Amino acid sequence: MKSDLENSRFSFEYARSNYTEKTALENGFKLLKATDLYEKIINKTVHGNYPMGFRFISKIFENGKTVGINDVGSKDIGTWRFDFDNNTFHLQWKNGWQNTITRAYEVNGNIEFYDIDTGNWRTTFVRAINFQIE
């Protein structure tokens, strides 16, 4: 599982908007319901970025587990869950990556995540690719 992530290429553009959650809403971007987000990212390898210009690749498994690596070589494993009533996505990491509770919006073809406490941009998923479970 980790070896294919370690061999991944970070050959995707760093892409994110400068929107806060408030400005995303003001610009007409719609909240992704948790059920829609689930369909878009579960059992997928996601490529994305987070603040300070870092890029990452993570696998999000249906069983609530996730594993990732970023472009400076940091690796982490964690768990995820959805709150379907509040349309939030929760990530809990074991080795130091930042734990988050976010809402997601489709913005300019990407999925942008906003921290529910601050309303500020947290992470962008640039693409999600199906993977085969072995």
N, C-alpha and C. Protein backbone atom coordinates (compact mmCIF):
# COMPACT_ATOMS: atom_id res chain seq x y z
N MET A 1 0.83 -1.18 0.00
CA MET A 1 0.00 0.00 0.00
C MET A 1 0.88 1.26 0.00
N LYS A 2 1.83 1.34 0.94
CA LYS A 2 2.66 2.53 0.99
C LYS A 2 3.64 2.60 -0.17
N SER A 3 4.14 1.45 -0.64
CA SER A 3 5.18 1.49 -1.66
C SER A 3 4.70 2.16 -2.93
N ASP A 4 3.46 1.94 -3.34
CA ASP A 4 3.00 2.61 -4.55
C ASP A 4 2.83 4.10 -4.32
N LEU A 5 2.53 4.52 -3.10
CA LEU A 5 2.49 5.95 -2.80
C LEU A 5 3.89 6.53 -2.83
N GLU A 6 4.84 5.81 -2.26
CA GLU A 6 6.22 6.29 -2.23
C GLU A 6 6.78 6.44 -3.64
N ASN A 7 6.30 5.64 -4.57
CA ASN A 7 6.77 5.70 -5.95
C ASN A 7 5.95 6.66 -6.80
N SER A 8 4.96 7.30 -6.20
CA SER A 8 4.11 8.23 -6.94
C SER A 8 4.88 9.47 -7.32
N ARG A 9 4.42 10.08 -8.38
CA ARG A 9 5.01 11.33 -8.82
C ARG A 9 4.08 12.47 -8.41
N PHE A 10 4.69 13.54 -7.99
CA PHE A 10 3.93 14.72 -7.62
C PHE A 10 3.87 15.65 -8.83
N SER A 11 3.54 15.08 -9.98
CA SER A 11 3.55 15.82 -11.23
C SER A 11 2.19 16.45 -11.52
N PHE A 12 1.66 17.13 -10.53
CA PHE A 12 0.43 17.86 -10.75
C PHE A 12 0.64 19.27 -10.22
N GLU A 13 -0.04 20.19 -10.83
CA GLU A 13 0.11 21.59 -10.46
C GLU A 13 -0.43 21.85 -9.07
N TYR A 14 0.21 22.75 -8.37
CA TYR A 14 -0.35 23.23 -7.11
C TYR A 14 -1.52 24.12 -7.49
N ALA A 15 -2.70 23.75 -7.07
CA ALA A 15 -3.89 24.49 -7.48
C ALA A 15 -4.79 24.69 -6.28
N ARG A 16 -5.16 25.90 -6.06
CA ARG A 16 -6.14 26.21 -5.03
C ARG A 16 -6.65 27.61 -5.29
N SER A 17 -7.80 27.89 -4.79
CA SER A 17 -8.32 29.24 -4.91
C SER A 17 -7.86 30.04 -3.70
N ASN A 18 -8.10 31.29 -3.74
CA ASN A 18 -7.82 32.14 -2.60
C ASN A 18 -9.08 32.42 -1.81
N TYR A 19 -10.11 31.61 -2.04
CA TYR A 19 -11.37 31.82 -1.37
C TYR A 19 -11.31 31.38 0.09
N THR A 20 -12.05 32.09 0.91
CA THR A 20 -12.44 31.56 2.20
C THR A 20 -13.76 30.85 1.95
N GLU A 21 -14.27 30.16 2.94
CA GLU A 21 -15.57 29.51 2.76
C GLU A 21 -16.64 30.57 2.45
N LYS A 22 -16.57 31.69 3.13
CA LYS A 22 -17.54 32.76 2.91
C LYS A 22 -17.49 33.26 1.46
N THR A 23 -16.28 33.50 0.93
CA THR A 23 -16.20 34.01 -0.44
C THR A 23 -16.55 32.92 -1.46
N ALA A 24 -16.28 31.66 -1.14
CA ALA A 24 -16.71 30.57 -2.04
C ALA A 24 -18.22 30.58 -2.16
N LEU A 25 -18.91 30.72 -1.03
CA LEU A 25 -20.38 30.79 -1.05
C LEU A 25 -20.86 32.02 -1.81
N GLU A 26 -20.22 33.15 -1.58
CA GLU A 26 -20.60 34.39 -2.27
C GLU A 26 -20.41 34.28 -3.77
N ASN A 27 -19.48 33.43 -4.21
CA ASN A 27 -19.24 33.24 -5.64
C ASN A 27 -20.07 32.11 -6.22
N GLY A 28 -21.01 31.59 -5.46
CA GLY A 28 -21.96 30.61 -5.98
C GLY A 28 -21.53 29.16 -5.92
N PHE A 29 -20.43 28.88 -5.26
CA PHE A 29 -19.99 27.49 -5.15
C PHE A 29 -20.85 26.79 -4.12
N LYS A 30 -21.25 25.57 -4.43
CA LYS A 30 -22.19 24.83 -3.59
C LYS A 30 -21.47 23.83 -2.68
N LEU A 31 -22.01 23.73 -1.48
CA LEU A 31 -21.52 22.74 -0.53
C LEU A 31 -21.74 21.33 -1.10
N LEU A 32 -20.72 20.49 -1.00
CA LEU A 32 -20.88 19.09 -1.35
C LEU A 32 -21.46 18.37 -0.15
N LYS A 33 -22.58 17.74 -0.32
CA LYS A 33 -23.15 16.94 0.77
C LYS A 33 -22.19 15.78 1.05
N ALA A 34 -22.20 15.33 2.27
CA ALA A 34 -21.30 14.24 2.66
C ALA A 34 -21.50 13.01 1.78
N THR A 35 -22.74 12.73 1.40
CA THR A 35 -22.99 11.56 0.53
C THR A 35 -22.35 11.74 -0.84
N ASP A 36 -22.36 12.96 -1.37
CA ASP A 36 -21.72 13.22 -2.67
C ASP A 36 -20.21 13.15 -2.56
N LEU A 37 -19.66 13.71 -1.48
CA LEU A 37 -18.22 13.67 -1.27
C LEU A 37 -17.75 12.23 -1.11
N TYR A 38 -18.51 11.44 -0.38
CA TYR A 38 -18.18 10.03 -0.19
C TYR A 38 -18.01 9.34 -1.55
N GLU A 39 -18.95 9.57 -2.45
CA GLU A 39 -18.89 8.95 -3.78
C GLU A 39 -17.66 9.40 -4.57
N LYS A 40 -17.23 10.63 -4.35
CA LYS A 40 -16.12 11.18 -5.11
C LYS A 40 -14.75 10.73 -4.62
N ILE A 41 -14.62 10.38 -3.32
CA ILE A 41 -13.26 10.16 -2.80
C ILE A 41 -12.99 8.79 -2.18
N ILE A 42 -14.03 8.02 -1.86
CA ILE A 42 -13.78 6.74 -1.18
C ILE A 42 -13.25 5.70 -2.16
N ASN A 43 -12.26 4.94 -1.71
CA ASN A 43 -11.53 3.97 -2.53
C ASN A 43 -10.87 4.64 -3.73
N LYS A 44 -10.30 5.81 -3.44
CA LYS A 44 -9.61 6.57 -4.48
C LYS A 44 -8.24 6.98 -3.97
N THR A 45 -7.34 7.21 -4.89
CA THR A 45 -6.08 7.87 -4.60
C THR A 45 -6.31 9.33 -4.94
N VAL A 46 -6.14 10.19 -3.95
CA VAL A 46 -6.36 11.62 -4.17
C VAL A 46 -5.03 12.35 -4.22
N HIS A 47 -4.96 13.29 -5.14
CA HIS A 47 -3.81 14.16 -5.29
C HIS A 47 -4.27 15.55 -4.90
N GLY A 48 -3.49 16.20 -4.05
CA GLY A 48 -3.94 17.51 -3.63
C GLY A 48 -2.86 18.34 -3.00
N ASN A 49 -3.31 19.44 -2.41
CA ASN A 49 -2.38 20.32 -1.74
C ASN A 49 -3.01 20.96 -0.53
N TYR A 50 -2.14 21.45 0.32
CA TYR A 50 -2.59 22.09 1.54
C TYR A 50 -1.72 23.32 1.80
N PRO A 51 -2.06 24.13 2.80
CA PRO A 51 -1.37 25.41 3.00
C PRO A 51 0.15 25.28 2.99
N MET A 52 0.78 26.39 2.65
CA MET A 52 2.23 26.55 2.60
C MET A 52 2.82 25.87 1.37
N GLY A 53 2.01 25.52 0.39
CA GLY A 53 2.52 25.02 -0.87
C GLY A 53 2.84 23.54 -0.94
N PHE A 54 2.51 22.76 0.07
CA PHE A 54 2.79 21.33 0.04
C PHE A 54 1.79 20.60 -0.84
N ARG A 55 2.26 19.56 -1.50
CA ARG A 55 1.39 18.66 -2.26
C ARG A 55 1.42 17.29 -1.60
N PHE A 56 0.35 16.55 -1.75
CA PHE A 56 0.27 15.22 -1.13
C PHE A 56 -0.48 14.26 -2.04
N ILE A 57 -0.26 12.98 -1.77
CA ILE A 57 -1.02 11.90 -2.41
C ILE A 57 -1.46 10.98 -1.29
N SER A 58 -2.76 10.69 -1.23
CA SER A 58 -3.30 9.82 -0.18
C SER A 58 -4.27 8.82 -0.77
N LYS A 59 -4.35 7.69 -0.12
CA LYS A 59 -5.38 6.71 -0.44
C LYS A 59 -6.43 6.77 0.66
N ILE A 60 -7.69 6.78 0.24
CA ILE A 60 -8.79 6.84 1.20
C ILE A 60 -9.60 5.56 1.02
N PHE A 61 -9.53 4.70 2.02
CA PHE A 61 -10.15 3.38 1.95
C PHE A 61 -11.55 3.39 2.55
N GLU A 62 -12.39 2.54 2.02
CA GLU A 62 -13.78 2.44 2.47
C GLU A 62 -13.89 2.05 3.94
N ASN A 63 -12.88 1.36 4.47
CA ASN A 63 -12.93 0.89 5.86
C ASN A 63 -12.61 1.97 6.89
N GLY A 64 -12.47 3.22 6.47
CA GLY A 64 -12.21 4.30 7.41
C GLY A 64 -10.73 4.60 7.63
N LYS A 65 -9.86 3.97 6.85
CA LYS A 65 -8.42 4.21 6.99
C LYS A 65 -7.92 5.03 5.82
N THR A 66 -6.81 5.72 6.05
CA THR A 66 -6.15 6.49 5.00
C THR A 66 -4.65 6.46 5.22
N VAL A 67 -3.90 6.63 4.16
CA VAL A 67 -2.44 6.67 4.21
C VAL A 67 -1.99 7.70 3.20
N GLY A 68 -0.94 8.44 3.53
CA GLY A 68 -0.50 9.47 2.60
C GLY A 68 0.98 9.78 2.70
N ILE A 69 1.45 10.48 1.68
CA ILE A 69 2.83 10.96 1.61
C ILE A 69 2.77 12.35 0.98
N ASN A 70 3.68 13.23 1.42
CA ASN A 70 3.70 14.55 0.77
C ASN A 70 5.01 14.74 0.01
N ASP A 71 5.11 15.87 -0.67
CA ASP A 71 6.23 16.10 -1.58
C ASP A 71 7.55 16.42 -0.87
N VAL A 72 7.55 16.48 0.45
CA VAL A 72 8.82 16.60 1.18
C VAL A 72 9.18 15.29 1.89
N GLY A 73 8.40 14.22 1.62
CA GLY A 73 8.72 12.90 2.12
C GLY A 73 8.06 12.51 3.42
N SER A 74 7.28 13.38 4.00
CA SER A 74 6.57 13.04 5.24
C SER A 74 5.43 12.07 4.91
N LYS A 75 5.29 11.04 5.76
CA LYS A 75 4.25 10.03 5.56
C LYS A 75 3.39 9.96 6.81
N ASP A 76 2.11 9.61 6.61
CA ASP A 76 1.24 9.46 7.77
C ASP A 76 0.15 8.45 7.46
N ILE A 77 -0.42 7.91 8.52
CA ILE A 77 -1.58 7.03 8.41
C ILE A 77 -2.64 7.58 9.35
N GLY A 78 -3.88 7.31 9.02
CA GLY A 78 -4.93 7.85 9.87
C GLY A 78 -6.27 7.22 9.59
N THR A 79 -7.27 7.86 10.15
CA THR A 79 -8.65 7.42 9.98
C THR A 79 -9.50 8.60 9.53
N TRP A 80 -10.60 8.28 8.88
CA TRP A 80 -11.53 9.31 8.43
C TRP A 80 -12.94 8.88 8.80
N ARG A 81 -13.84 9.86 8.82
CA ARG A 81 -15.26 9.58 8.96
C ARG A 81 -16.04 10.78 8.45
N PHE A 82 -17.27 10.53 8.09
CA PHE A 82 -18.19 11.59 7.66
C PHE A 82 -19.22 11.82 8.75
N ASP A 83 -19.62 13.04 8.93
CA ASP A 83 -20.80 13.38 9.72
C ASP A 83 -21.86 13.76 8.68
N PHE A 84 -22.75 12.82 8.38
CA PHE A 84 -23.73 13.02 7.32
C PHE A 84 -24.79 14.05 7.69
N ASP A 85 -25.02 14.27 8.97
CA ASP A 85 -26.00 15.28 9.39
C ASP A 85 -25.46 16.70 9.18
N ASN A 86 -24.16 16.88 9.43
CA ASN A 86 -23.56 18.20 9.31
C ASN A 86 -22.72 18.39 8.05
N ASN A 87 -22.67 17.36 7.18
CA ASN A 87 -21.91 17.42 5.93
C ASN A 87 -20.45 17.80 6.17
N THR A 88 -19.83 17.13 7.14
CA THR A 88 -18.42 17.38 7.42
C THR A 88 -17.60 16.10 7.24
N PHE A 89 -16.33 16.32 6.96
CA PHE A 89 -15.36 15.25 6.75
C PHE A 89 -14.29 15.39 7.83
N HIS A 90 -14.06 14.32 8.59
CA HIS A 90 -13.13 14.34 9.72
C HIS A 90 -11.92 13.46 9.39
N LEU A 91 -10.73 14.01 9.56
CA LEU A 91 -9.48 13.25 9.39
C LEU A 91 -8.69 13.31 10.68
N GLN A 92 -8.24 12.15 11.12
CA GLN A 92 -7.43 12.03 12.34
C GLN A 92 -6.14 11.30 11.95
N TRP A 93 -4.99 11.98 12.08
CA TRP A 93 -3.71 11.41 11.69
C TRP A 93 -2.93 10.94 12.91
N LYS A 94 -2.05 9.94 12.72
CA LYS A 94 -1.31 9.36 13.83
C LYS A 94 0.09 9.94 14.01
N ASN A 95 0.70 10.45 12.95
CA ASN A 95 2.11 10.83 13.03
C ASN A 95 2.39 12.31 12.79
N GLY A 96 1.47 13.17 13.13
CA GLY A 96 1.78 14.58 13.09
C GLY A 96 1.12 15.43 12.02
N TRP A 97 0.53 14.80 10.99
CA TRP A 97 -0.21 15.64 10.06
C TRP A 97 -1.39 16.25 10.80
N GLN A 98 -1.86 17.35 10.33
CA GLN A 98 -2.88 18.09 11.07
C GLN A 98 -4.26 17.43 10.96
N ASN A 99 -4.88 17.19 12.12
CA ASN A 99 -6.24 16.66 12.17
C ASN A 99 -7.21 17.76 11.76
N THR A 100 -8.23 17.39 10.99
CA THR A 100 -9.15 18.40 10.49
C THR A 100 -10.60 17.94 10.54
N ILE A 101 -11.48 18.92 10.66
CA ILE A 101 -12.91 18.74 10.44
C ILE A 101 -13.28 19.82 9.43
N THR A 102 -13.74 19.38 8.26
CA THR A 102 -13.93 20.32 7.16
C THR A 102 -15.28 20.12 6.47
N ARG A 103 -15.66 21.16 5.72
CA ARG A 103 -16.76 21.07 4.75
C ARG A 103 -16.13 21.18 3.38
N ALA A 104 -16.75 20.57 2.39
CA ALA A 104 -16.17 20.54 1.05
C ALA A 104 -17.08 21.24 0.04
N TYR A 105 -16.45 21.89 -0.93
CA TYR A 105 -17.13 22.58 -2.01
C TYR A 105 -16.44 22.22 -3.31
N GLU A 106 -17.20 22.15 -4.40
CA GLU A 106 -16.60 22.01 -5.71
C GLU A 106 -16.29 23.41 -6.21
N VAL A 107 -15.00 23.69 -6.42
CA VAL A 107 -14.55 25.01 -6.82
C VAL A 107 -13.61 24.87 -8.01
N ASN A 108 -14.03 25.41 -9.14
CA ASN A 108 -13.19 25.41 -10.35
C ASN A 108 -12.67 24.01 -10.70
N GLY A 109 -13.52 23.00 -10.56
CA GLY A 109 -13.16 21.63 -10.92
C GLY A 109 -12.41 20.86 -9.85
N ASN A 110 -12.09 21.50 -8.74
CA ASN A 110 -11.41 20.84 -7.62
C ASN A 110 -12.37 20.72 -6.46
N ILE A 111 -11.99 19.94 -5.46
CA ILE A 111 -12.75 19.87 -4.21
C ILE A 111 -11.95 20.64 -3.18
N GLU A 112 -12.53 21.72 -2.69
CA GLU A 112 -11.86 22.55 -1.69
C GLU A 112 -12.48 22.27 -0.33
N PHE A 113 -11.62 22.14 0.67
CA PHE A 113 -12.05 21.85 2.03
C PHE A 113 -11.78 23.08 2.91
N TYR A 114 -12.77 23.41 3.73
CA TYR A 114 -12.68 24.56 4.61
C TYR A 114 -12.82 24.12 6.05
N ASP A 115 -11.92 24.60 6.88
CA ASP A 115 -11.93 24.31 8.30
C ASP A 115 -13.22 24.86 8.90
N ILE A 116 -13.95 24.01 9.61
CA ILE A 116 -15.25 24.47 10.12
C ILE A 116 -15.12 25.50 11.23
N ASP A 117 -13.99 25.54 11.92
CA ASP A 117 -13.81 26.52 12.99
C ASP A 117 -13.47 27.90 12.46
N THR A 118 -12.65 27.97 11.41
CA THR A 118 -12.18 29.26 10.91
C THR A 118 -12.87 29.70 9.62
N GLY A 119 -13.41 28.73 8.84
CA GLY A 119 -13.97 29.07 7.54
C GLY A 119 -12.90 29.31 6.49
N ASN A 120 -11.64 29.08 6.85
CA ASN A 120 -10.54 29.29 5.91
C ASN A 120 -10.22 28.02 5.15
N TRP A 121 -9.64 28.22 3.96
CA TRP A 121 -9.24 27.10 3.12
C TRP A 121 -8.26 26.22 3.89
N ARG A 122 -8.42 24.91 3.73
CA ARG A 122 -7.56 23.95 4.41
C ARG A 122 -6.82 23.05 3.43
N THR A 123 -7.55 22.45 2.49
CA THR A 123 -6.97 21.47 1.58
C THR A 123 -7.73 21.50 0.26
N THR A 124 -7.05 21.14 -0.82
CA THR A 124 -7.69 20.98 -2.12
C THR A 124 -7.37 19.60 -2.65
N PHE A 125 -8.40 18.87 -3.10
CA PHE A 125 -8.18 17.63 -3.84
C PHE A 125 -8.26 18.00 -5.32
N VAL A 126 -7.13 17.84 -6.01
CA VAL A 126 -7.03 18.20 -7.41
C VAL A 126 -7.61 17.09 -8.29
N ARG A 127 -7.36 15.84 -7.90
CA ARG A 127 -7.95 14.73 -8.66
C ARG A 127 -8.08 13.52 -7.75
N ALA A 128 -9.01 12.66 -8.11
CA ALA A 128 -9.24 11.41 -7.37
C ALA A 128 -9.31 10.29 -8.40
N ILE A 129 -8.47 9.29 -8.21
CA ILE A 129 -8.33 8.20 -9.18
C ILE A 129 -8.70 6.89 -8.50
N ASN A 130 -9.53 6.10 -9.17
CA ASN A 130 -9.88 4.78 -8.63
C ASN A 130 -8.63 3.93 -8.46
N PHE A 131 -8.63 3.12 -7.42
CA PHE A 131 -7.58 2.13 -7.28
C PHE A 131 -8.23 0.78 -7.04
N GLN A 132 -7.45 -0.26 -7.28
CA GLN A 132 -7.96 -1.61 -7.10
C GLN A 132 -7.50 -2.13 -5.74
N ILE A 133 -8.44 -2.62 -4.96
CA ILE A 133 -8.11 -3.18 -3.65
C ILE A 133 -7.63 -4.60 -3.86
N GLU A 134 -6.44 -4.88 -3.29
CA GLU A 134 -5.84 -6.21 -3.47
C GLU A 134 -6.24 -7.15 -2.37
